[in-house]
Full PDB file with SEQRES, HELIX, SHEET, SSBOND, CRYST1, ORIGX, SCALE, CONECT and MASTER records, all heavy atoms in Angstrom:
SEQRES   1 A   33  GLY VAL ARG ALA ALA GLY LEU GLY GLY SER GLY SER SER          
SEQRES   2 A   33  GLU HIS LEU ASP ALA LEU MET LYS THR ASP LYS VAL VAL          
SEQRES   3 A   33  VAL PHE LEU LYS GLY THR PRO                                  
HELIX    1 AA1 SER A   13  LEU A   19  1                                   7    
CRYST1    1.000    1.000    1.000  90.00  90.00  90.00 P 1           1          
ORIGX1      1.000000  0.000000  0.000000        0.00000                         
ORIGX2      0.000000  1.000000  0.000000        0.00000                         
ORIGX3      0.000000  0.000000  1.000000        0.00000                         
SCALE1      1.000000  0.000000  0.000000        0.00000                         
SCALE2      0.000000  1.000000  0.000000        0.00000                         
SCALE3      0.000000  0.000000  1.000000        0.00000                         
ATOM      1  N   GLY A   1     208.461 118.349 140.207  1.00  0.00           N  
ATOM      2  CA  GLY A   1     209.779 117.813 140.572  1.00  0.00           C  
ATOM      3  C   GLY A   1     209.762 116.772 141.596  1.00  0.00           C  
ATOM      4  O   GLY A   1     210.837 116.208 141.882  1.00  0.00           O  
ATOM      5  N   VAL A   2     208.704 116.518 142.242  1.00  0.00           N  
ATOM      6  CA  VAL A   2     208.632 115.486 143.280  1.00  0.00           C  
ATOM      7  C   VAL A   2     208.423 114.115 142.720  1.00  0.00           C  
ATOM      8  O   VAL A   2     207.522 113.890 141.962  1.00  0.00           O  
ATOM      9  CB  VAL A   2     207.515 115.781 144.341  1.00  0.00           C  
ATOM     10  CG1 VAL A   2     207.412 114.681 145.379  1.00  0.00           C  
ATOM     11  CG2 VAL A   2     207.657 117.126 144.929  1.00  0.00           C  
ATOM     12  N   ARG A   3     209.316 113.174 143.012  1.00  0.00           N  
ATOM     13  CA  ARG A   3     209.235 111.810 142.525  1.00  0.00           C  
ATOM     14  C   ARG A   3     208.840 110.903 143.693  1.00  0.00           C  
ATOM     15  O   ARG A   3     209.479 110.870 144.619  1.00  0.00           O  
ATOM     16  CB  ARG A   3     210.519 111.374 141.879  1.00  0.00           C  
ATOM     17  CG  ARG A   3     210.830 111.949 140.586  1.00  0.00           C  
ATOM     18  CD  ARG A   3     212.140 111.940 140.077  1.00  0.00           C  
ATOM     19  NE  ARG A   3     213.131 112.586 140.993  1.00  0.00           N  
ATOM     20  CZ  ARG A   3     213.180 113.851 141.190  1.00  0.00           C  
ATOM     21  NH1 ARG A   3     212.406 114.635 140.692  1.00  0.00           N  
ATOM     22  NH2 ARG A   3     214.132 114.306 142.054  1.00  0.00           N  
ATOM     23  N   ALA A   4     207.822 110.114 143.421  1.00  0.00           N  
ATOM     24  CA  ALA A   4     207.458 108.979 144.329  1.00  0.00           C  
ATOM     25  C   ALA A   4     208.338 107.842 143.856  1.00  0.00           C  
ATOM     26  O   ALA A   4     208.115 107.377 142.740  1.00  0.00           O  
ATOM     27  CB  ALA A   4     206.029 108.671 144.321  1.00  0.00           C  
ATOM     28  N   ALA A   5     209.187 107.425 144.641  1.00  0.00           N  
ATOM     29  CA  ALA A   5     210.093 106.433 144.225  1.00  0.00           C  
ATOM     30  C   ALA A   5     209.556 105.039 144.213  1.00  0.00           C  
ATOM     31  O   ALA A   5     208.770 104.655 145.048  1.00  0.00           O  
ATOM     32  CB  ALA A   5     211.373 106.467 145.132  1.00  0.00           C  
ATOM     33  N   GLY A   6     209.953 104.274 143.238  1.00  0.00           N  
ATOM     34  CA  GLY A   6     209.557 102.866 143.211  1.00  0.00           C  
ATOM     35  C   GLY A   6     210.358 102.116 144.261  1.00  0.00           C  
ATOM     36  O   GLY A   6     211.561 102.234 144.426  1.00  0.00           O  
ATOM     37  N   LEU A   7     209.696 101.473 145.186  1.00  0.00           N  
ATOM     38  CA  LEU A   7     210.332 100.768 146.245  1.00  0.00           C  
ATOM     39  C   LEU A   7     210.720  99.388 145.855  1.00  0.00           C  
ATOM     40  O   LEU A   7     210.988  99.114 144.757  1.00  0.00           O  
ATOM     41  CB  LEU A   7     209.387 100.794 147.453  1.00  0.00           C  
ATOM     42  CG  LEU A   7     209.035 102.220 148.011  1.00  0.00           C  
ATOM     43  CD1 LEU A   7     207.997 102.060 149.076  1.00  0.00           C  
ATOM     44  CD2 LEU A   7     210.237 102.974 148.385  1.00  0.00           C  
ATOM     45  N   GLY A   8     210.732  98.502 146.730  1.00  0.00           N  
ATOM     46  CA  GLY A   8     211.105  97.172 146.436  1.00  0.00           C  
ATOM     47  C   GLY A   8     212.685  97.001 146.653  1.00  0.00           C  
ATOM     48  O   GLY A   8     213.338  97.967 147.003  1.00  0.00           O  
ATOM     49  N   GLY A   9     213.208  95.903 146.458  1.00  0.00           N  
ATOM     50  CA  GLY A   9     214.614  95.639 146.630  1.00  0.00           C  
ATOM     51  C   GLY A   9     214.766  94.904 147.935  1.00  0.00           C  
ATOM     52  O   GLY A   9     213.813  94.420 148.548  1.00  0.00           O  
ATOM     53  N   SER A  10     216.010  94.760 148.317  1.00  0.00           N  
ATOM     54  CA  SER A  10     216.347  93.835 149.436  1.00  0.00           C  
ATOM     55  C   SER A  10     216.104  94.500 150.808  1.00  0.00           C  
ATOM     56  O   SER A  10     216.098  93.773 151.816  1.00  0.00           O  
ATOM     57  CB  SER A  10     217.778  93.394 149.326  1.00  0.00           C  
ATOM     58  OG  SER A  10     218.709  94.465 149.437  1.00  0.00           O  
ATOM     59  N   GLY A  11     216.070  95.790 150.899  1.00  0.00           N  
ATOM     60  CA  GLY A  11     215.957  96.418 152.189  1.00  0.00           C  
ATOM     61  C   GLY A  11     217.302  96.450 152.957  1.00  0.00           C  
ATOM     62  O   GLY A  11     217.339  96.771 154.130  1.00  0.00           O  
ATOM     63  N   SER A  12     218.381  96.149 152.218  1.00  0.00           N  
ATOM     64  CA  SER A  12     219.734  96.105 152.825  1.00  0.00           C  
ATOM     65  C   SER A  12     220.297  97.534 152.927  1.00  0.00           C  
ATOM     66  O   SER A  12     219.803  98.480 152.241  1.00  0.00           O  
ATOM     67  CB  SER A  12     220.660  95.244 152.045  1.00  0.00           C  
ATOM     68  OG  SER A  12     220.881  95.722 150.799  1.00  0.00           O  
ATOM     69  N   SER A  13     221.392  97.668 153.557  1.00  0.00           N  
ATOM     70  CA  SER A  13     221.994  99.041 153.614  1.00  0.00           C  
ATOM     71  C   SER A  13     222.504  99.390 152.176  1.00  0.00           C  
ATOM     72  O   SER A  13     222.556 100.602 151.852  1.00  0.00           O  
ATOM     73  CB  SER A  13     223.190  99.089 154.651  1.00  0.00           C  
ATOM     74  OG  SER A  13     224.086  98.074 154.306  1.00  0.00           O  
ATOM     75  N   GLU A  14     222.902  98.374 151.347  1.00  0.00           N  
ATOM     76  CA  GLU A  14     223.246  98.691 149.971  1.00  0.00           C  
ATOM     77  C   GLU A  14     222.065  99.202 149.194  1.00  0.00           C  
ATOM     78  O   GLU A  14     222.196 100.096 148.352  1.00  0.00           O  
ATOM     79  CB  GLU A  14     223.837  97.332 149.328  1.00  0.00           C  
ATOM     80  CG  GLU A  14     225.124  96.922 149.857  1.00  0.00           C  
ATOM     81  CD  GLU A  14     224.958  96.080 151.134  1.00  0.00           C  
ATOM     82  OE1 GLU A  14     223.819  95.583 151.375  1.00  0.00           O  
ATOM     83  OE2 GLU A  14     225.974  95.941 151.855  1.00  0.00           O  
ATOM     84  N   HIS A  15     220.901  98.665 149.460  1.00  0.00           N  
ATOM     85  CA  HIS A  15     219.686  99.114 148.823  1.00  0.00           C  
ATOM     86  C   HIS A  15     219.387 100.600 149.226  1.00  0.00           C  
ATOM     87  O   HIS A  15     219.043 101.365 148.363  1.00  0.00           O  
ATOM     88  CB  HIS A  15     218.452  98.206 149.197  1.00  0.00           C  
ATOM     89  CG  HIS A  15     217.180  98.641 148.719  1.00  0.00           C  
ATOM     90  ND1 HIS A  15     216.125  98.996 149.561  1.00  0.00           N  
ATOM     91  CD2 HIS A  15     216.751  98.817 147.365  1.00  0.00           C  
ATOM     92  CE1 HIS A  15     215.128  99.378 148.751  1.00  0.00           C  
ATOM     93  NE2 HIS A  15     215.434  99.244 147.492  1.00  0.00           N  
ATOM     94  N   LEU A  16     219.508 100.867 150.497  1.00  0.00           N  
ATOM     95  CA  LEU A  16     219.304 102.262 150.965  1.00  0.00           C  
ATOM     96  C   LEU A  16     220.354 103.229 150.312  1.00  0.00           C  
ATOM     97  O   LEU A  16     219.975 104.305 149.890  1.00  0.00           O  
ATOM     98  CB  LEU A  16     219.383 102.339 152.525  1.00  0.00           C  
ATOM     99  CG  LEU A  16     218.262 101.683 153.255  1.00  0.00           C  
ATOM    100  CD1 LEU A  16     218.510 101.723 154.759  1.00  0.00           C  
ATOM    101  CD2 LEU A  16     216.918 102.320 152.906  1.00  0.00           C  
ATOM    102  N   ASP A  17     221.572 102.756 150.244  1.00  0.00           N  
ATOM    103  CA  ASP A  17     222.571 103.532 149.631  1.00  0.00           C  
ATOM    104  C   ASP A  17     222.269 103.823 148.189  1.00  0.00           C  
ATOM    105  O   ASP A  17     222.398 105.018 147.711  1.00  0.00           O  
ATOM    106  CB  ASP A  17     223.944 102.849 149.723  1.00  0.00           C  
ATOM    107  CG  ASP A  17     225.080 103.736 149.264  1.00  0.00           C  
ATOM    108  OD1 ASP A  17     225.158 104.855 149.772  1.00  0.00           O  
ATOM    109  OD2 ASP A  17     225.907 103.304 148.461  1.00  0.00           O  
ATOM    110  N   ALA A  18     221.724 102.893 147.454  1.00  0.00           N  
ATOM    111  CA  ALA A  18     221.382 103.000 146.080  1.00  0.00           C  
ATOM    112  C   ALA A  18     220.226 104.014 145.905  1.00  0.00           C  
ATOM    113  O   ALA A  18     220.111 104.781 144.982  1.00  0.00           O  
ATOM    114  CB  ALA A  18     220.981 101.681 145.448  1.00  0.00           C  
ATOM    115  N   LEU A  19     219.273 103.989 146.900  1.00  0.00           N  
ATOM    116  CA  LEU A  19     218.146 104.900 146.886  1.00  0.00           C  
ATOM    117  C   LEU A  19     218.591 106.307 146.987  1.00  0.00           C  
ATOM    118  O   LEU A  19     217.862 107.252 146.544  1.00  0.00           O  
ATOM    119  CB  LEU A  19     217.184 104.573 147.965  1.00  0.00           C  
ATOM    120  CG  LEU A  19     216.458 103.273 147.950  1.00  0.00           C  
ATOM    121  CD1 LEU A  19     215.565 103.111 149.110  1.00  0.00           C  
ATOM    122  CD2 LEU A  19     215.629 103.077 146.682  1.00  0.00           C  
ATOM    123  N   MET A  20     219.704 106.618 147.593  1.00  0.00           N  
ATOM    124  CA  MET A  20     220.167 107.979 147.883  1.00  0.00           C  
ATOM    125  C   MET A  20     221.210 108.536 146.974  1.00  0.00           C  
ATOM    126  O   MET A  20     221.913 109.382 147.272  1.00  0.00           O  
ATOM    127  CB  MET A  20     220.592 107.989 149.395  1.00  0.00           C  
ATOM    128  CG  MET A  20     219.477 107.743 150.292  1.00  0.00           C  
ATOM    129  SD  MET A  20     219.955 107.879 152.051  1.00  0.00           S  
ATOM    130  CE  MET A  20     220.758 106.402 152.326  1.00  0.00           C  
ATOM    131  N   LYS A  21     221.388 107.844 145.780  1.00  0.00           N  
ATOM    132  CA  LYS A  21     222.438 108.291 144.888  1.00  0.00           C  
ATOM    133  C   LYS A  21     222.060 108.921 143.607  1.00  0.00           C  
ATOM    134  O   LYS A  21     222.942 109.225 142.836  1.00  0.00           O  
ATOM    135  CB  LYS A  21     223.358 107.052 144.598  1.00  0.00           C  
ATOM    136  CG  LYS A  21     224.217 106.721 145.787  1.00  0.00           C  
ATOM    137  CD  LYS A  21     225.290 105.795 145.442  1.00  0.00           C  
ATOM    138  CE  LYS A  21     226.195 105.578 146.641  1.00  0.00           C  
ATOM    139  NZ  LYS A  21     227.202 104.570 146.383  1.00  0.00           N  
ATOM    140  N   THR A  22     220.815 109.142 143.456  1.00  0.00           N  
ATOM    141  CA  THR A  22     220.361 109.730 142.157  1.00  0.00           C  
ATOM    142  C   THR A  22     219.878 111.223 142.251  1.00  0.00           C  
ATOM    143  O   THR A  22     220.244 112.045 141.451  1.00  0.00           O  
ATOM    144  CB  THR A  22     219.213 108.904 141.496  1.00  0.00           C  
ATOM    145  OG1 THR A  22     219.680 107.581 141.340  1.00  0.00           O  
ATOM    146  CG2 THR A  22     218.820 109.444 140.185  1.00  0.00           C  
ATOM    147  N   ASP A  23     219.147 111.456 143.328  1.00  0.00           N  
ATOM    148  CA  ASP A  23     218.677 112.909 143.499  1.00  0.00           C  
ATOM    149  C   ASP A  23     219.428 113.554 144.590  1.00  0.00           C  
ATOM    150  O   ASP A  23     220.016 112.935 145.485  1.00  0.00           O  
ATOM    151  CB  ASP A  23     217.197 112.783 143.898  1.00  0.00           C  
ATOM    152  CG  ASP A  23     216.332 112.367 142.736  1.00  0.00           C  
ATOM    153  OD1 ASP A  23     216.294 113.053 141.708  1.00  0.00           O  
ATOM    154  OD2 ASP A  23     215.720 111.283 142.874  1.00  0.00           O  
ATOM    155  N   LYS A  24     219.422 114.895 144.495  1.00  0.00           N  
ATOM    156  CA  LYS A  24     220.158 115.686 145.545  1.00  0.00           C  
ATOM    157  C   LYS A  24     219.435 115.572 146.911  1.00  0.00           C  
ATOM    158  O   LYS A  24     220.068 115.656 147.936  1.00  0.00           O  
ATOM    159  CB  LYS A  24     220.218 117.155 145.116  1.00  0.00           C  
ATOM    160  CG  LYS A  24     221.190 117.360 143.992  1.00  0.00           C  
ATOM    161  CD  LYS A  24     221.206 118.833 143.657  1.00  0.00           C  
ATOM    162  CE  LYS A  24     222.177 119.057 142.497  1.00  0.00           C  
ATOM    163  NZ  LYS A  24     222.280 120.459 142.188  1.00  0.00           N  
ATOM    164  N   VAL A  25     218.117 115.407 146.885  1.00  0.00           N  
ATOM    165  CA  VAL A  25     217.354 115.370 148.152  1.00  0.00           C  
ATOM    166  C   VAL A  25     216.395 114.159 148.047  1.00  0.00           C  
ATOM    167  O   VAL A  25     215.705 113.954 147.055  1.00  0.00           O  
ATOM    168  CB  VAL A  25     216.453 116.687 148.302  1.00  0.00           C  
ATOM    169  CG1 VAL A  25     215.636 116.552 149.610  1.00  0.00           C  
ATOM    170  CG2 VAL A  25     217.381 117.901 148.326  1.00  0.00           C  
ATOM    171  N   VAL A  26     216.392 113.425 149.126  1.00  0.00           N  
ATOM    172  CA  VAL A  26     215.512 112.301 149.195  1.00  0.00           C  
ATOM    173  C   VAL A  26     214.910 112.306 150.606  1.00  0.00           C  
ATOM    174  O   VAL A  26     215.594 112.645 151.612  1.00  0.00           O  
ATOM    175  CB  VAL A  26     216.227 110.940 148.955  1.00  0.00           C  
ATOM    176  CG1 VAL A  26     217.237 110.644 150.022  1.00  0.00           C  
ATOM    177  CG2 VAL A  26     215.281 109.761 148.941  1.00  0.00           C  
ATOM    178  N   VAL A  27     213.572 112.068 150.658  1.00  0.00           N  
ATOM    179  CA  VAL A  27     212.886 112.040 151.997  1.00  0.00           C  
ATOM    180  C   VAL A  27     212.178 110.674 152.145  1.00  0.00           C  
ATOM    181  O   VAL A  27     211.668 110.198 151.167  1.00  0.00           O  
ATOM    182  CB  VAL A  27     211.978 113.202 152.229  1.00  0.00           C  
ATOM    183  CG1 VAL A  27     212.707 114.474 152.287  1.00  0.00           C  
ATOM    184  CG2 VAL A  27     210.898 113.277 151.112  1.00  0.00           C  
ATOM    185  N   PHE A  28     212.217 110.168 153.307  1.00  0.00           N  
ATOM    186  CA  PHE A  28     211.415 108.932 153.685  1.00  0.00           C  
ATOM    187  C   PHE A  28     210.235 109.430 154.563  1.00  0.00           C  
ATOM    188  O   PHE A  28     210.485 109.967 155.627  1.00  0.00           O  
ATOM    189  CB  PHE A  28     212.272 107.957 154.433  1.00  0.00           C  
ATOM    190  CG  PHE A  28     213.376 107.441 153.560  1.00  0.00           C  
ATOM    191  CD1 PHE A  28     214.698 108.053 153.670  1.00  0.00           C  
ATOM    192  CD2 PHE A  28     213.178 106.383 152.723  1.00  0.00           C  
ATOM    193  CE1 PHE A  28     215.679 107.543 152.824  1.00  0.00           C  
ATOM    194  CE2 PHE A  28     214.257 105.905 151.926  1.00  0.00           C  
ATOM    195  CZ  PHE A  28     215.477 106.492 151.997  1.00  0.00           C  
ATOM    196  N   LEU A  29     209.025 109.286 154.052  1.00  0.00           N  
ATOM    197  CA  LEU A  29     207.878 109.851 154.730  1.00  0.00           C  
ATOM    198  C   LEU A  29     206.879 108.772 155.116  1.00  0.00           C  
ATOM    199  O   LEU A  29     206.883 107.721 154.446  1.00  0.00           O  
ATOM    200  CB  LEU A  29     207.122 110.844 153.813  1.00  0.00           C  
ATOM    201  CG  LEU A  29     207.891 111.992 153.213  1.00  0.00           C  
ATOM    202  CD1 LEU A  29     207.029 112.674 152.189  1.00  0.00           C  
ATOM    203  CD2 LEU A  29     208.247 113.010 154.330  1.00  0.00           C  
ATOM    204  N   LYS A  30     206.031 109.055 156.055  1.00  0.00           N  
ATOM    205  CA  LYS A  30     204.873 108.268 156.231  1.00  0.00           C  
ATOM    206  C   LYS A  30     203.839 108.968 155.445  1.00  0.00           C  
ATOM    207  O   LYS A  30     203.380 110.053 155.768  1.00  0.00           O  
ATOM    208  CB  LYS A  30     204.432 108.269 157.740  1.00  0.00           C  
ATOM    209  CG  LYS A  30     205.375 107.361 158.572  1.00  0.00           C  
ATOM    210  CD  LYS A  30     204.893 107.345 160.029  1.00  0.00           C  
ATOM    211  CE  LYS A  30     205.798 106.517 160.866  1.00  0.00           C  
ATOM    212  NZ  LYS A  30     205.369 106.545 162.316  1.00  0.00           N  
ATOM    213  N   GLY A  31     203.447 108.361 154.305  1.00  0.00           N  
ATOM    214  CA  GLY A  31     202.538 108.998 153.397  1.00  0.00           C  
ATOM    215  C   GLY A  31     203.300 109.601 152.193  1.00  0.00           C  
ATOM    216  O   GLY A  31     204.387 109.173 151.874  1.00  0.00           O  
ATOM    217  N   THR A  32     202.630 110.587 151.538  1.00  0.00           N  
ATOM    218  CA  THR A  32     203.222 111.211 150.386  1.00  0.00           C  
ATOM    219  C   THR A  32     203.331 112.672 150.622  1.00  0.00           C  
ATOM    220  O   THR A  32     202.670 113.171 151.527  1.00  0.00           O  
ATOM    221  CB  THR A  32     202.328 110.993 149.090  1.00  0.00           C  
ATOM    222  OG1 THR A  32     201.094 111.532 149.343  1.00  0.00           O  
ATOM    223  CG2 THR A  32     202.170 109.479 148.828  1.00  0.00           C  
ATOM    224  N   PRO A  33     204.108 113.385 149.802  1.00  0.00           N  
ATOM    225  CA  PRO A  33     204.115 114.795 149.968  1.00  0.00           C  
ATOM    226  C   PRO A  33     202.750 115.548 149.888  1.00  0.00           C  
ATOM    227  O   PRO A  33     202.473 116.426 150.555  1.00  0.00           O  
ATOM    228  CB  PRO A  33     205.050 115.295 148.859  1.00  0.00           C  
ATOM    229  CG  PRO A  33     205.922 114.139 148.626  1.00  0.00           C  
ATOM    230  CD  PRO A  33     205.046 112.942 148.773  1.00  0.00           C  
TER     231      PRO A  33                                                      
MASTER        0    0    0    1    0    0    0    6  230    1    0    3          
END                                                                             
């Protein structure tokens, strides 16, 4: 169930908002799980 998300995008707050709208839980890590 762990998804390593495809990054990229503008890095804007809209981009961050879009990153957090699909899964119930999202984590920003240094490294991977």
